[in-house]
PDB file of N, CA and C in Angstrom:
ATOM      1  N   MET A   1     -35.276 -77.400 -80.501  1.00  0.00           N
ATOM      2  CA  MET A   1     -36.134 -77.329 -79.340  1.00  0.00           C
ATOM      3  C   MET A   1     -37.105 -76.145 -79.437  1.00  0.00           C
ATOM      4  N   ASN A   2     -36.628 -75.028 -79.987  1.00  0.00           N
ATOM      5  CA  ASN A   2     -37.507 -73.873 -80.147  1.00  0.00           C
ATOM      6  C   ASN A   2     -38.660 -74.160 -81.097  1.00  0.00           C
ATOM      7  N   PHE A   3     -38.387 -74.949 -82.148  1.00  0.00           N
ATOM      8  CA  PHE A   3     -39.440 -75.278 -83.104  1.00  0.00           C
ATOM      9  C   PHE A   3     -40.556 -76.063 -82.422  1.00  0.00           C
ATOM     10  N   ILE A   4     -40.194 -77.033 -81.611  1.00  0.00           N
ATOM     11  CA  ILE A   4     -41.187 -77.841 -80.904  1.00  0.00           C
ATOM     12  C   ILE A   4     -41.986 -76.975 -79.942  1.00  0.00           C
ATOM     13  N   LEU A   5     -41.298 -76.077 -79.243  1.00  0.00           N
ATOM     14  CA  LEU A   5     -41.983 -75.176 -78.319  1.00  0.00           C
ATOM     15  C   LEU A   5     -42.957 -74.268 -79.067  1.00  0.00           C
ATOM     16  N   LYS A   6     -42.546 -73.744 -80.214  1.00  0.00           N
ATOM     17  CA  LYS A   6     -43.428 -72.882 -81.005  1.00  0.00           C
ATOM     18  C   LYS A   6     -44.655 -73.644 -81.492  1.00  0.00           C
ATOM     19  N   VAL A   7     -44.460 -74.874 -81.934  1.00  0.00           N
ATOM     20  CA  VAL A   7     -45.582 -75.678 -82.424  1.00  0.00           C
ATOM     21  C   VAL A   7     -46.549 -75.989 -81.287  1.00  0.00           C
ATOM     22  N   LEU A   8     -46.023 -76.338 -80.120  1.00  0.00           N
ATOM     23  CA  LEU A   8     -46.891 -76.640 -78.987  1.00  0.00           C
ATOM     24  C   LEU A   8     -47.664 -75.405 -78.522  1.00  0.00           C
ATOM     25  N   ILE A   9     -47.000 -74.254 -78.504  1.00  0.00           N
ATOM     26  CA  ILE A   9     -47.685 -73.016 -78.129  1.00  0.00           C
ATOM     27  C   ILE A   9     -48.756 -72.669 -79.152  1.00  0.00           C
ATOM     28  N   THR A  10     -48.436 -72.817 -80.427  1.00  0.00           N
ATOM     29  CA  THR A  10     -49.424 -72.543 -81.470  1.00  0.00           C
ATOM     30  C   THR A  10     -50.603 -73.499 -81.367  1.00  0.00           C
ATOM     31  N   GLY A  11     -50.333 -74.763 -81.082  1.00  0.00           N
ATOM     32  CA  GLY A  11     -51.411 -75.729 -80.903  1.00  0.00           C
ATOM     33  C   GLY A  11     -52.290 -75.395 -79.716  1.00  0.00           C
ATOM     34  N   LEU A  12     -51.682 -74.951 -78.618  1.00  0.00           N
ATOM     35  CA  LEU A  12     -52.445 -74.566 -77.440  1.00  0.00           C
ATOM     36  C   LEU A  12     -53.325 -73.353 -77.723  1.00  0.00           C
ATOM     37  N   ILE A  13     -52.748 -72.348 -78.373  1.00  0.00           N
ATOM     38  CA  ILE A  13     -53.528 -71.151 -78.715  1.00  0.00           C
ATOM     39  C   ILE A  13     -54.663 -71.514 -79.678  1.00  0.00           C
ATOM     40  N   ALA A  14     -54.376 -72.361 -80.659  1.00  0.00           N
ATOM     41  CA  ALA A  14     -55.413 -72.775 -81.610  1.00  0.00           C
ATOM     42  C   ALA A  14     -56.547 -73.492 -80.886  1.00  0.00           C
ATOM     43  N   TYR A  15     -56.189 -74.355 -79.949  1.00  0.00           N
ATOM     44  CA  TYR A  15     -57.214 -75.088 -79.194  1.00  0.00           C
ATOM     45  C   TYR A  15     -58.040 -74.139 -78.336  1.00  0.00           C
ATOM     46  N   LEU A  16     -57.395 -73.131 -77.747  1.00  0.00           N
ATOM     47  CA  LEU A  16     -58.119 -72.167 -76.921  1.00  0.00           C
ATOM     48  C   LEU A  16     -58.982 -71.223 -77.761  1.00  0.00           C
ATOM     49  N   LEU A  17     -58.554 -70.940 -78.980  1.00  0.00           N
ATOM     50  CA  LEU A  17     -59.316 -70.021 -79.836  1.00  0.00           C
ATOM     51  C   LEU A  17     -60.664 -70.586 -80.264  1.00  0.00           C
ATOM     52  N   GLN A  18     -60.818 -71.897 -80.218  1.00  0.00           N
ATOM     53  CA  GLN A  18     -62.116 -72.456 -80.579  1.00  0.00           C
ATOM     54  C   GLN A  18     -63.194 -72.062 -79.575  1.00  0.00           C
ATOM     55  N   ASN A  19     -62.774 -71.676 -78.365  1.00  0.00           N
ATOM     56  CA  ASN A  19     -63.743 -71.197 -77.375  1.00  0.00           C
ATOM     57  C   ASN A  19     -64.178 -69.765 -77.656  1.00  0.00           C
ATOM     58  N   ILE A  20     -63.340 -69.002 -78.359  1.00  0.00           N
ATOM     59  CA  ILE A  20     -63.643 -67.605 -78.671  1.00  0.00           C
ATOM     60  C   ILE A  20     -64.361 -67.491 -80.014  1.00  0.00           C
ATOM     61  N   LEU A  21     -63.883 -68.232 -81.000  1.00  0.00           N
ATOM     62  CA  LEU A  21     -64.439 -68.159 -82.361  1.00  0.00           C
ATOM     63  C   LEU A  21     -65.370 -69.340 -82.591  1.00  0.00           C
ATOM     64  N   SER A  22     -66.622 -69.070 -82.836  1.00  0.00           N
ATOM     65  CA  SER A  22     -67.588 -70.155 -83.019  1.00  0.00           C
ATOM     66  C   SER A  22     -67.453 -70.864 -84.366  1.00  0.00           C
ATOM     67  N   GLY A  23     -66.650 -70.329 -85.266  1.00  0.00           N
ATOM     68  CA  GLY A  23     -66.481 -70.951 -86.571  1.00  0.00           C
ATOM     69  C   GLY A  23     -65.245 -71.831 -86.682  1.00  0.00           C
ATOM     70  N   VAL A  24     -64.551 -72.048 -85.560  1.00  0.00           N
ATOM     71  CA  VAL A  24     -63.336 -72.869 -85.540  1.00  0.00           C
ATOM     72  C   VAL A  24     -63.559 -74.015 -84.562  1.00  0.00           C
ATOM     73  N   HIS A  25     -63.280 -75.253 -85.013  1.00  0.00           N
ATOM     74  CA  HIS A  25     -63.555 -76.434 -84.190  1.00  0.00           C
ATOM     75  C   HIS A  25     -62.392 -77.416 -84.292  1.00  0.00           C
ATOM     76  N   PHE A  26     -61.957 -77.925 -83.135  1.00  0.00           N
ATOM     77  CA  PHE A  26     -60.959 -78.991 -83.075  1.00  0.00           C
ATOM     78  C   PHE A  26     -61.521 -80.114 -82.229  1.00  0.00           C
ATOM     79  N   ALA A  27     -61.240 -81.357 -82.631  1.00  0.00           N
ATOM     80  CA  ALA A  27     -61.750 -82.509 -81.895  1.00  0.00           C
ATOM     81  C   ALA A  27     -61.100 -82.613 -80.518  1.00  0.00           C
ATOM     82  N   ASP A  28     -59.792 -82.409 -80.449  1.00  0.00           N
ATOM     83  CA  ASP A  28     -59.076 -82.491 -79.186  1.00  0.00           C
ATOM     84  C   ASP A  28     -57.763 -81.728 -79.288  1.00  0.00           C
ATOM     85  N   MET A  29     -57.018 -81.732 -78.210  1.00  0.00           N
ATOM     86  CA  MET A  29     -55.753 -81.003 -78.165  1.00  0.00           C
ATOM     87  C   MET A  29     -54.727 -81.609 -79.124  1.00  0.00           C
ATOM     88  N   LYS A  30     -54.755 -82.918 -79.283  1.00  0.00           N
ATOM     89  CA  LYS A  30     -53.819 -83.588 -80.195  1.00  0.00           C
ATOM     90  C   LYS A  30     -54.036 -83.112 -81.631  1.00  0.00           C
ATOM     91  N   THR A  31     -55.283 -82.987 -82.029  1.00  0.00           N
ATOM     92  CA  THR A  31     -55.600 -82.497 -83.378  1.00  0.00           C
ATOM     93  C   THR A  31     -55.124 -81.061 -83.556  1.00  0.00           C
ATOM     94  N   ALA A  32     -55.292 -80.234 -82.526  1.00  0.00           N
ATOM     95  CA  ALA A  32     -54.833 -78.848 -82.603  1.00  0.00           C
ATOM     96  C   ALA A  32     -53.313 -78.772 -82.712  1.00  0.00           C
ATOM     97  N   ALA A  33     -52.602 -79.644 -81.989  1.00  0.00           N
ATOM     98  CA  ALA A  33     -51.138 -79.657 -82.064  1.00  0.00           C
ATOM     99  C   ALA A  33     -50.667 -80.131 -83.442  1.00  0.00           C
ATOM    100  N   LEU A  34     -51.314 -81.145 -83.986  1.00  0.00           N
ATOM    101  CA  LEU A  34     -50.967 -81.614 -85.332  1.00  0.00           C
ATOM    102  C   LEU A  34     -51.307 -80.556 -86.380  1.00  0.00           C
ATOM    103  N   PHE A  35     -52.418 -79.853 -86.162  1.00  0.00           N
ATOM    104  CA  PHE A  35     -52.792 -78.744 -87.035  1.00  0.00           C
ATOM    105  C   PHE A  35     -51.697 -77.680 -87.028  1.00  0.00           C
ATOM    106  N   ALA A  36     -51.187 -77.365 -85.855  1.00  0.00           N
ATOM    107  CA  ALA A  36     -50.113 -76.372 -85.735  1.00  0.00           C
ATOM    108  C   ALA A  36     -48.846 -76.836 -86.441  1.00  0.00           C
ATOM    109  N   LEU A  37     -48.547 -78.128 -86.358  1.00  0.00           N
ATOM    110  CA  LEU A  37     -47.369 -78.668 -87.047  1.00  0.00           C
ATOM    111  C   LEU A  37     -47.531 -78.563 -88.563  1.00  0.00           C
ATOM    112  N   VAL A  38     -48.690 -78.956 -89.083  1.00  0.00           N
ATOM    113  CA  VAL A  38     -48.940 -78.865 -90.524  1.00  0.00           C
ATOM    114  C   VAL A  38     -48.930 -77.411 -90.982  1.00  0.00           C
ATOM    115  N   LEU A  39     -49.506 -76.527 -90.170  1.00  0.00           N
ATOM    116  CA  LEU A  39     -49.504 -75.100 -90.505  1.00  0.00           C
ATOM    117  C   LEU A  39     -48.081 -74.556 -90.562  1.00  0.00           C
ATOM    118  N   ALA A  40     -47.233 -74.977 -89.634  1.00  0.00           N
ATOM    119  CA  ALA A  40     -45.833 -74.537 -89.642  1.00  0.00           C
ATOM    120  C   ALA A  40     -45.110 -75.038 -90.891  1.00  0.00           C
ATOM    121  N   LEU A  41     -45.361 -76.277 -91.270  1.00  0.00           N
ATOM    122  CA  LEU A  41     -44.731 -76.829 -92.478  1.00  0.00           C
ATOM    123  C   LEU A  41     -45.228 -76.125 -93.741  1.00  0.00           C
ATOM    124  N   LEU A  42     -46.524 -75.856 -93.805  1.00  0.00           N
ATOM    125  CA  LEU A  42     -47.069 -75.129 -94.957  1.00  0.00           C
ATOM    126  C   LEU A  42     -46.521 -73.708 -95.020  1.00  0.00           C
ATOM    127  N   ASN A  43     -46.388 -73.066 -93.864  1.00  0.00           N
ATOM    128  CA  ASN A  43     -45.833 -71.714 -93.835  1.00  0.00           C
ATOM    129  C   ASN A  43     -44.364 -71.701 -94.255  1.00  0.00           C
ATOM    130  N   ALA A  44     -43.662 -72.800 -94.025  1.00  0.00           N
ATOM    131  CA  ALA A  44     -42.254 -72.862 -94.412  1.00  0.00           C
ATOM    132  C   ALA A  44     -42.074 -73.215 -95.887  1.00  0.00           C
ATOM    133  N   ILE A  45     -43.011 -73.972 -96.464  1.00  0.00           N
ATOM    134  CA  ILE A  45     -42.833 -74.470 -97.832  1.00  0.00           C
ATOM    135  C   ILE A  45     -43.695 -73.717 -98.843  1.00  0.00           C
ATOM    136  N   VAL A  46     -45.002 -73.629 -98.591  1.00  0.00           N
ATOM    137  CA  VAL A  46     -45.942 -73.084 -99.575  1.00  0.00           C
ATOM    138  C   VAL A  46     -46.039 -71.554 -99.505  1.00  0.00           C
ATOM    139  N   LYS A  47     -46.037 -71.013 -98.304  1.00  0.00           N
ATOM    140  CA  LYS A  47     -46.261 -69.573 -98.146  1.00  0.00           C
ATOM    141  C   LYS A  47     -45.219 -68.712 -98.869  1.00  0.00           C
ATOM    142  N   PRO A  48     -43.913 -69.035 -98.808  1.00  0.00           N
ATOM    143  CA  PRO A  48     -42.960 -68.192 -99.549  1.00  0.00           C
ATOM    144  C   PRO A  48     -43.223 -68.158-101.048  1.00  0.00           C
ATOM    145  N   ILE A  49     -43.674 -69.264-101.599  1.00  0.00           N
ATOM    146  CA  ILE A  49     -43.986 -69.312-103.024  1.00  0.00           C
ATOM    147  C   ILE A  49     -45.178 -68.408-103.327  1.00  0.00           C
ATOM    148  N   LEU A  50     -46.219 -68.480-102.482  1.00  0.00           N
ATOM    149  CA  LEU A  50     -47.392 -67.628-102.683  1.00  0.00           C
ATOM    150  C   LEU A  50     -47.058 -66.151-102.512  1.00  0.00           C
ATOM    151  N   VAL A  51     -46.195 -65.847-101.559  1.00  0.00           N
ATOM    152  CA  VAL A  51     -45.814 -64.448-101.345  1.00  0.00           C
ATOM    153  C   VAL A  51     -45.083 -63.901-102.566  1.00  0.00           C
ATOM    154  N   ILE A  52     -44.181 -64.684-103.128  1.00  0.00           N
ATOM    155  CA  ILE A  52     -43.448 -64.244-104.319  1.00  0.00           C
ATOM    156  C   ILE A  52     -44.388 -64.075-105.512  1.00  0.00           C
ATOM    157  N   LEU A  53     -45.315 -65.012-105.679  1.00  0.00           N
ATOM    158  CA  LEU A  53     -46.237 -64.938-106.812  1.00  0.00           C
ATOM    159  C   LEU A  53     -47.223 -63.777-106.707  1.00  0.00           C
ATOM    160  N   THR A  54     -47.486 -63.311-105.495  1.00  0.00           N
ATOM    161  CA  THR A  54     -48.484 -62.260-105.308  1.00  0.00           C
ATOM    162  C   THR A  54     -47.864 -60.919-104.912  1.00  0.00           C
ATOM    163  N   ILE A  55     -46.604 -60.720-105.220  1.00  0.00           N
ATOM    164  CA  ILE A  55     -45.950 -59.451-104.874  1.00  0.00           C
ATOM    165  C   ILE A  55     -46.695 -58.236-105.450  1.00  0.00           C
ATOM    166  N   PRO A  56     -47.122 -58.240-106.718  1.00  0.00           N
ATOM    167  CA  PRO A  56     -47.831 -57.053-107.219  1.00  0.00           C
ATOM    168  C   PRO A  56     -49.112 -56.742-106.440  1.00  0.00           C
ATOM    169  N   VAL A  57     -49.885 -57.760-106.116  1.00  0.00           N
ATOM    170  CA  VAL A  57     -51.115 -57.544-105.369  1.00  0.00           C
ATOM    171  C   VAL A  57     -50.793 -57.079-103.949  1.00  0.00           C
ATOM    172  N   THR A  58     -49.779 -57.654-103.359  1.00  0.00           N
ATOM    173  CA  THR A  58     -49.384 -57.273-102.000  1.00  0.00           C
ATOM    174  C   THR A  58     -48.919 -55.828-101.950  1.00  0.00           C
ATOM    175  N   VAL A  59     -48.155 -55.399-102.938  1.00  0.00           N
ATOM    176  CA  VAL A  59     -47.706 -54.004-102.986  1.00  0.00           C
ATOM    177  C   VAL A  59     -48.896 -53.078-103.207  1.00  0.00           C
ATOM    178  N   PHE A  60     -49.793 -53.459-104.095  1.00  0.00           N
ATOM    179  CA  PHE A  60     -50.959 -52.633-104.393  1.00  0.00           C
ATOM    180  C   PHE A  60     -51.861 -52.462-103.167  1.00  0.00           C
ATOM    181  N   THR A  61     -51.984 -53.508-102.344  1.00  0.00           N
ATOM    182  CA  THR A  61     -52.839 -53.444-101.152  1.00  0.00           C
ATOM    183  C   THR A  61     -52.055 -53.042 -99.905  1.00  0.00           C
ATOM    184  N   LEU A  62     -50.835 -52.585-100.101  1.00  0.00           N
ATOM    185  CA  LEU A  62     -49.972 -52.145 -98.999  1.00  0.00           C
ATOM    186  C   LEU A  62     -49.751 -53.233 -97.952  1.00  0.00           C
ATOM    187  N   GLY A  63     -49.645 -54.466 -98.414  1.00  0.00           N
ATOM    188  CA  GLY A  63     -49.339 -55.594 -97.537  1.00  0.00           C
ATOM    189  C   GLY A  63     -50.534 -56.299 -96.945  1.00  0.00           C
ATOM    190  N   LEU A  64     -51.728 -55.774 -97.134  1.00  0.00           N
ATOM    191  CA  LEU A  64     -52.907 -56.397 -96.549  1.00  0.00           C
ATOM    192  C   LEU A  64     -53.243 -57.745 -97.187  1.00  0.00           C
ATOM    193  N   PHE A  65     -52.763 -57.972 -98.394  1.00  0.00           N
ATOM    194  CA  PHE A  65     -53.036 -59.260 -99.046  1.00  0.00           C
ATOM    195  C   PHE A  65     -52.349 -60.406 -98.318  1.00  0.00           C
ATOM    196  N   LEU A  66     -51.333 -60.109 -97.525  1.00  0.00           N
ATOM    197  CA  LEU A  66     -50.678 -61.158 -96.732  1.00  0.00           C
ATOM    198  C   LEU A  66     -51.643 -61.774 -95.723  1.00  0.00           C
ATOM    199  N   LEU A  67     -52.634 -61.005 -95.266  1.00  0.00           N
ATOM    200  CA  LEU A  67     -53.660 -61.564 -94.390  1.00  0.00           C
ATOM    201  C   LEU A  67     -54.496 -62.607 -95.126  1.00  0.00           C
ATOM    202  N   VAL A  68     -54.753 -62.355 -96.395  1.00  0.00           N
ATOM    203  CA  VAL A  68     -55.488 -63.320 -97.218  1.00  0.00           C
ATOM    204  C   VAL A  68     -54.671 -64.597 -97.382  1.00  0.00           C
ATOM    205  N   ILE A  69     -53.372 -64.451 -97.589  1.00  0.00           N
ATOM    206  CA  ILE A  69     -52.504 -65.624 -97.716  1.00  0.00           C
ATOM    207  C   ILE A  69     -52.493 -66.411 -96.412  1.00  0.00           C
ATOM    208  N   ASN A  70     -52.445 -65.719 -95.273  1.00  0.00           N
ATOM    209  CA  ASN A  70     -52.482 -66.406 -93.977  1.00  0.00           C
ATOM    210  C   ASN A  70     -53.791 -67.171 -93.800  1.00  0.00           C
ATOM    211  N   ALA A  71     -54.908 -66.573 -94.177  1.00  0.00           N
ATOM    212  CA  ALA A  71     -56.195 -67.257 -94.083  1.00  0.00           C
ATOM    213  C   ALA A  71     -56.224 -68.480 -94.999  1.00  0.00           C
ATOM    214  N   PHE A  72     -55.647 -68.351 -96.186  1.00  0.00           N
ATOM    215  CA  PHE A  72     -55.575 -69.488 -97.098  1.00  0.00           C
ATOM    216  C   PHE A  72     -54.729 -70.615 -96.508  1.00  0.00           C
ATOM    217  N   MET A  73     -53.647 -70.273 -95.817  1.00  0.00           N
ATOM    218  CA  MET A  73     -52.796 -71.280 -95.173  1.00  0.00           C
ATOM    219  C   MET A  73     -53.580 -72.026 -94.088  1.00  0.00           C
ATOM    220  N   VAL A  74     -54.410 -71.306 -93.339  1.00  0.00           N
ATOM    221  CA  VAL A  74     -55.239 -71.950 -92.313  1.00  0.00           C
ATOM    222  C   VAL A  74     -56.231 -72.901 -92.970  1.00  0.00           C
ATOM    223  N   LEU A  75     -56.879 -72.466 -94.043  1.00  0.00           N
ATOM    224  CA  LEU A  75     -57.837 -73.330 -94.734  1.00  0.00           C
ATOM    225  C   LEU A  75     -57.161 -74.545 -95.352  1.00  0.00           C
ATOM    226  N   LEU A  76     -55.954 -74.352 -95.856  1.00  0.00           N
ATOM    227  CA  LEU A  76     -55.213 -75.469 -96.440  1.00  0.00           C
ATOM    228  C   LEU A  76     -54.812 -76.468 -95.366  1.00  0.00           C
ATOM    229  N   ALA A  77     -54.329 -75.994 -94.228  1.00  0.00           N
ATOM    230  CA  ALA A  77     -53.953 -76.888 -93.132  1.00  0.00           C
ATOM    231  C   ALA A  77     -55.178 -77.625 -92.590  1.00  0.00           C
ATOM    232  N   GLU A  78     -56.310 -76.939 -92.533  1.00  0.00           N
ATOM    233  CA  GLU A  78     -57.543 -77.555 -92.036  1.00  0.00           C
ATOM    234  C   GLU A  78     -58.003 -78.701 -92.932  1.00  0.00           C
ATOM    235  N   SER A  79     -57.699 -78.619 -94.208  1.00  0.00           N
ATOM    236  CA  SER A  79     -58.150 -79.655 -95.139  1.00  0.00           C
ATOM    237  C   SER A  79     -57.437 -80.994 -94.934  1.00  0.00           C
ATOM    238  N   PHE A  80     -56.367 -81.017 -94.155  1.00  0.00           N
ATOM    239  CA  PHE A  80     -55.632 -82.253 -93.899  1.00  0.00           C
ATOM    240  C   PHE A  80     -56.230 -83.086 -92.768  1.00  0.00           C
ATOM    241  N   PHE A  81     -57.191 -82.550 -92.018  1.00  0.00           N
ATOM    242  CA  PHE A  81     -57.679 -83.211 -90.810  1.00  0.00           C
ATOM    243  C   PHE A  81     -59.184 -83.393 -90.835  1.00  0.00           C
ATOM    244  N   GLN A  82     -59.624 -84.531 -90.277  1.00  0.00           N
ATOM    245  CA  GLN A  82     -61.050 -84.763 -90.079  1.00  0.00           C
ATOM    246  C   GLN A  82     -61.548 -84.044 -88.835  1.00  0.00           C
ATOM    247  N   GLY A  83     -60.701 -83.942 -87.808  1.00  0.00           N
ATOM    248  CA  GLY A  83     -61.109 -83.373 -86.530  1.00  0.00           C
ATOM    249  C   GLY A  83     -60.971 -81.873 -86.426  1.00  0.00           C
ATOM    250  N   ALA A  84     -60.510 -81.221 -87.476  1.00  0.00           N
ATOM    251  CA  ALA A  84     -60.360 -79.761 -87.473  1.00  0.00           C
ATOM    252  C   ALA A  84     -61.303 -79.188 -88.527  1.00  0.00           C
ATOM    253  N   ARG A  85     -61.995 -78.101 -88.154  1.00  0.00           N
ATOM    254  CA  ARG A  85     -62.915 -77.488 -89.102  1.00  0.00           C
ATOM    255  C   ARG A  85     -62.934 -75.976 -88.912  1.00  0.00           C
ATOM    256  N   VAL A  86     -62.788 -75.264 -90.013  1.00  0.00           N
ATOM    257  CA  VAL A  86     -62.942 -73.813 -90.043  1.00  0.00           C
ATOM    258  C   VAL A  86     -64.090 -73.548 -91.010  1.00  0.00           C
ATOM    259  N   ASP A  87     -65.080 -72.784 -90.552  1.00  0.00           N
ATOM    260  CA  ASP A  87     -66.339 -72.668 -91.288  1.00  0.00           C
ATOM    261  C   ASP A  87     -66.311 -71.776 -92.520  1.00  0.00           C
ATOM    262  N   GLY A  88     -65.241 -71.089 -92.781  1.00  0.00           N
ATOM    263  CA  GLY A  88     -65.190 -70.258 -93.979  1.00  0.00           C
ATOM    264  C   GLY A  88     -63.990 -69.331 -93.961  1.00  0.00           C
ATOM    265  N   PHE A  89     -63.903 -68.533 -95.025  1.00  0.00           N
ATOM    266  CA  PHE A  89     -62.755 -67.643 -95.180  1.00  0.00           C
ATOM    267  C   PHE A  89     -62.665 -66.620 -94.055  1.00  0.00           C
ATOM    268  N   TRP A  90     -63.780 -66.007 -93.680  1.00  0.00           N
ATOM    269  CA  TRP A  90     -63.736 -64.954 -92.668  1.00  0.00           C
ATOM    270  C   TRP A  90     -63.350 -65.502 -91.307  1.00  0.00           C
ATOM    271  N   TRP A  91     -63.803 -66.720 -90.992  1.00  0.00           N
ATOM    272  CA  TRP A  91     -63.373 -67.345 -89.750  1.00  0.00           C
ATOM    273  C   TRP A  91     -61.882 -67.673 -89.810  1.00  0.00           C
ATOM    274  N   ALA A  92     -61.410 -68.100 -90.969  1.00  0.00           N
ATOM    275  CA  ALA A  92     -59.983 -68.392 -91.122  1.00  0.00           C
ATOM    276  C   ALA A  92     -59.153 -67.122 -90.985  1.00  0.00           C
ATOM    277  N   LEU A  93     -59.665 -66.010 -91.511  1.00  0.00           N
ATOM    278  CA  LEU A  93     -58.961 -64.736 -91.391  1.00  0.00           C
ATOM    279  C   LEU A  93     -58.873 -64.291 -89.929  1.00  0.00           C
ATOM    280  N   ALA A  94     -60.002 -64.334 -89.234  1.00  0.00           N
ATOM    281  CA  ALA A  94     -60.009 -63.957 -87.818  1.00  0.00           C
ATOM    282  C   ALA A  94     -59.130 -64.900 -86.998  1.00  0.00           C
ATOM    283  N   PHE A  95     -59.203 -66.194 -87.301  1.00  0.00           N
ATOM    284  CA  PHE A  95     -58.400 -67.188 -86.597  1.00  0.00           C
ATOM    285  C   PHE A  95     -56.912 -66.951 -86.830  1.00  0.00           C
ATOM    286  N   SER A  96     -56.516 -66.661 -88.063  1.00  0.00           N
ATOM    287  CA  SER A  96     -55.095 -66.464 -88.349  1.00  0.00           C
ATOM    288  C   SER A  96     -54.550 -65.216 -87.660  1.00  0.00           C
ATOM    289  N   ILE A  97     -55.357 -64.163 -87.594  1.00  0.00           N
ATOM    290  CA  ILE A  97     -54.918 -62.934 -86.910  1.00  0.00           C
ATOM    291  C   ILE A  97     -54.763 -63.196 -85.414  1.00  0.00           C
ATOM    292  N   LEU A  98     -55.781 -63.794 -84.798  1.00  0.00           N
ATOM    293  CA  LEU A  98     -55.720 -64.053 -83.363  1.00  0.00           C
ATOM    294  C   LEU A  98     -54.661 -65.102 -83.018  1.00  0.00           C
ATOM    295  N   LEU A  99     -54.470 -66.080 -83.891  1.00  0.00           N
ATOM    296  CA  LEU A  99     -53.439 -67.091 -83.665  1.00  0.00           C
ATOM    297  C   LEU A  99     -52.054 -66.460 -83.700  1.00  0.00           C
ATOM    298  N   SER A 100     -51.817 -65.581 -84.641  1.00  0.00           N
ATOM    299  CA  SER A 100     -50.524 -64.904 -84.727  1.00  0.00           C
ATOM    300  C   SER A 100     -50.269 -64.043 -83.492  1.00  0.00           C
ATOM    301  N   LEU A 101     -51.257 -63.264 -83.105  1.00  0.00           N
ATOM    302  CA  LEU A 101     -51.104 -62.406 -81.924  1.00  0.00           C
ATOM    303  C   LEU A 101     -50.910 -63.225 -80.649  1.00  0.00           C
ATOM    304  N   GLY A 102     -51.770 -64.201 -80.448  1.00  0.00           N
ATOM    305  CA  GLY A 102     -51.703 -65.010 -79.227  1.00  0.00           C
ATOM    306  C   GLY A 102     -50.434 -65.807 -79.102  1.00  0.00           C
ATOM    307  N   SER A 103     -50.009 -66.445 -80.183  1.00  0.00           N
ATOM    308  CA  SER A 103     -48.795 -67.250 -80.095  1.00  0.00           C
ATOM    309  C   SER A 103     -47.553 -66.372 -79.961  1.00  0.00           C
ATOM    310  N   SER A 104     -47.565 -65.196 -80.567  1.00  0.00           N
ATOM    311  CA  SER A 104     -46.426 -64.280 -80.399  1.00  0.00           C
ATOM    312  C   SER A 104     -46.305 -63.823 -78.952  1.00  0.00           C
ATOM    313  N   ILE A 105     -47.418 -63.450 -78.355  1.00  0.00           N
ATOM    314  CA  ILE A 105     -47.394 -62.988 -76.967  1.00  0.00           C
ATOM    315  C   ILE A 105     -46.981 -64.111 -76.028  1.00  0.00           C
ATOM    316  N   LEU A 106     -47.598 -65.276 -76.186  1.00  0.00           N
ATOM    317  CA  LEU A 106     -47.288 -66.387 -75.280  1.00  0.00           C
ATOM    318  C   LEU A 106     -45.857 -66.877 -75.463  1.00  0.00           C
ATOM    319  N   TYR A 107     -45.379 -66.935 -76.692  1.00  0.00           N
ATOM    320  CA  TYR A 107     -44.009 -67.391 -76.918  1.00  0.00           C
ATOM    321  C   TYR A 107     -43.003 -66.406 -76.340  1.00  0.00           C
ATOM    322  N   SER A 108     -43.289 -65.111 -76.411  1.00  0.00           N
ATOM    323  CA  SER A 108     -42.372 -64.140 -75.832  1.00  0.00           C
ATOM    324  C   SER A 108     -42.346 -64.246 -74.314  1.00  0.00           C
ATOM    325  N   LEU A 109     -43.453 -64.659 -73.707  1.00  0.00           N
ATOM    326  CA  LEU A 109     -43.501 -64.830 -72.255  1.00  0.00           C
ATOM    327  C   LEU A 109     -42.838 -66.123 -71.794  1.00  0.00           C
ATOM    328  N   VAL A 110     -43.011 -67.184 -72.577  1.00  0.00           N
ATOM    329  CA  VAL A 110     -42.545 -68.504 -72.155  1.00  0.00           C
ATOM    330  C   VAL A 110     -41.098 -68.773 -72.541  1.00  0.00           C
ATOM    331  N   GLY A 111     -40.751 -68.582 -73.780  1.00  0.00           N
ATOM    332  CA  GLY A 111     -39.423 -69.023 -74.184  1.00  0.00           C
ATOM    333  C   GLY A 111     -38.872 -68.283 -75.361  1.00  0.00           C
ATOM    334  N   GLY A 112     -38.975 -67.014 -75.396  1.00  0.00           N
ATOM    335  CA  GLY A 112     -38.513 -66.238 -76.533  1.00  0.00           C
ATOM    336  C   GLY A 112     -37.041 -65.897 -76.500  1.00  0.00           C
ATOM    337  N   LYS A 113     -36.190 -66.848 -76.093  1.00  0.00           N
ATOM    338  CA  LYS A 113     -34.756 -66.596 -76.038  1.00  0.00           C
ATOM    339  C   LYS A 113     -34.135 -66.806 -77.416  1.00  0.00           C
ATOM    340  N   LYS A 114     -33.236 -65.929 -77.786  1.00  0.00           N
ATOM    341  CA  LYS A 114     -32.518 -66.063 -79.061  1.00  0.00           C
ATOM    342  C   LYS A 114     -31.361 -67.028 -78.880  1.00  0.00           C
ATOM    343  N   GLU A 115     -31.125 -67.832 -79.908  1.00  0.00           N
ATOM    344  CA  GLU A 115     -30.004 -68.773 -79.839  1.00  0.00           C
ATOM    345  C   GLU A 115     -28.818 -68.231 -80.584  1.00  0.00           C
TER     346      GLU A 115
END
C-alpha cells in the first residue's frame, strides 16, 4: 500500500511541477502517474547498477554525480511515453531535484508511517 501511495504522490508532484518548470510537459494526470510508476521501477532496477558502475566518479565528485544519474533516470522514464516530455538534461536535473524534495515533503505529511 505504501508503494502505491508513493507512486501516486510522485505522480501528483510531477504533474504539478509542469506548472513551475517550462521544460517539463505531461499530457494529463494519468500520464504523470504512469511516469512515476516507470520512474520507480527504473530506480529500483537500473539505478543501483549505474550507481555501482560510477562509484569512482561519485566519490571524486563527492556524491554530486548522483544528481546526474537522477536526471538520466528522468530522461529514461520520459522516453517511454508519448505524452511526457522533458526538454533537456538541465530541465531533467531541475525536475529530479524538485520532484525528490516535493514528494519527500508531501509523503511525510500524508502517510510517512513506518511498517
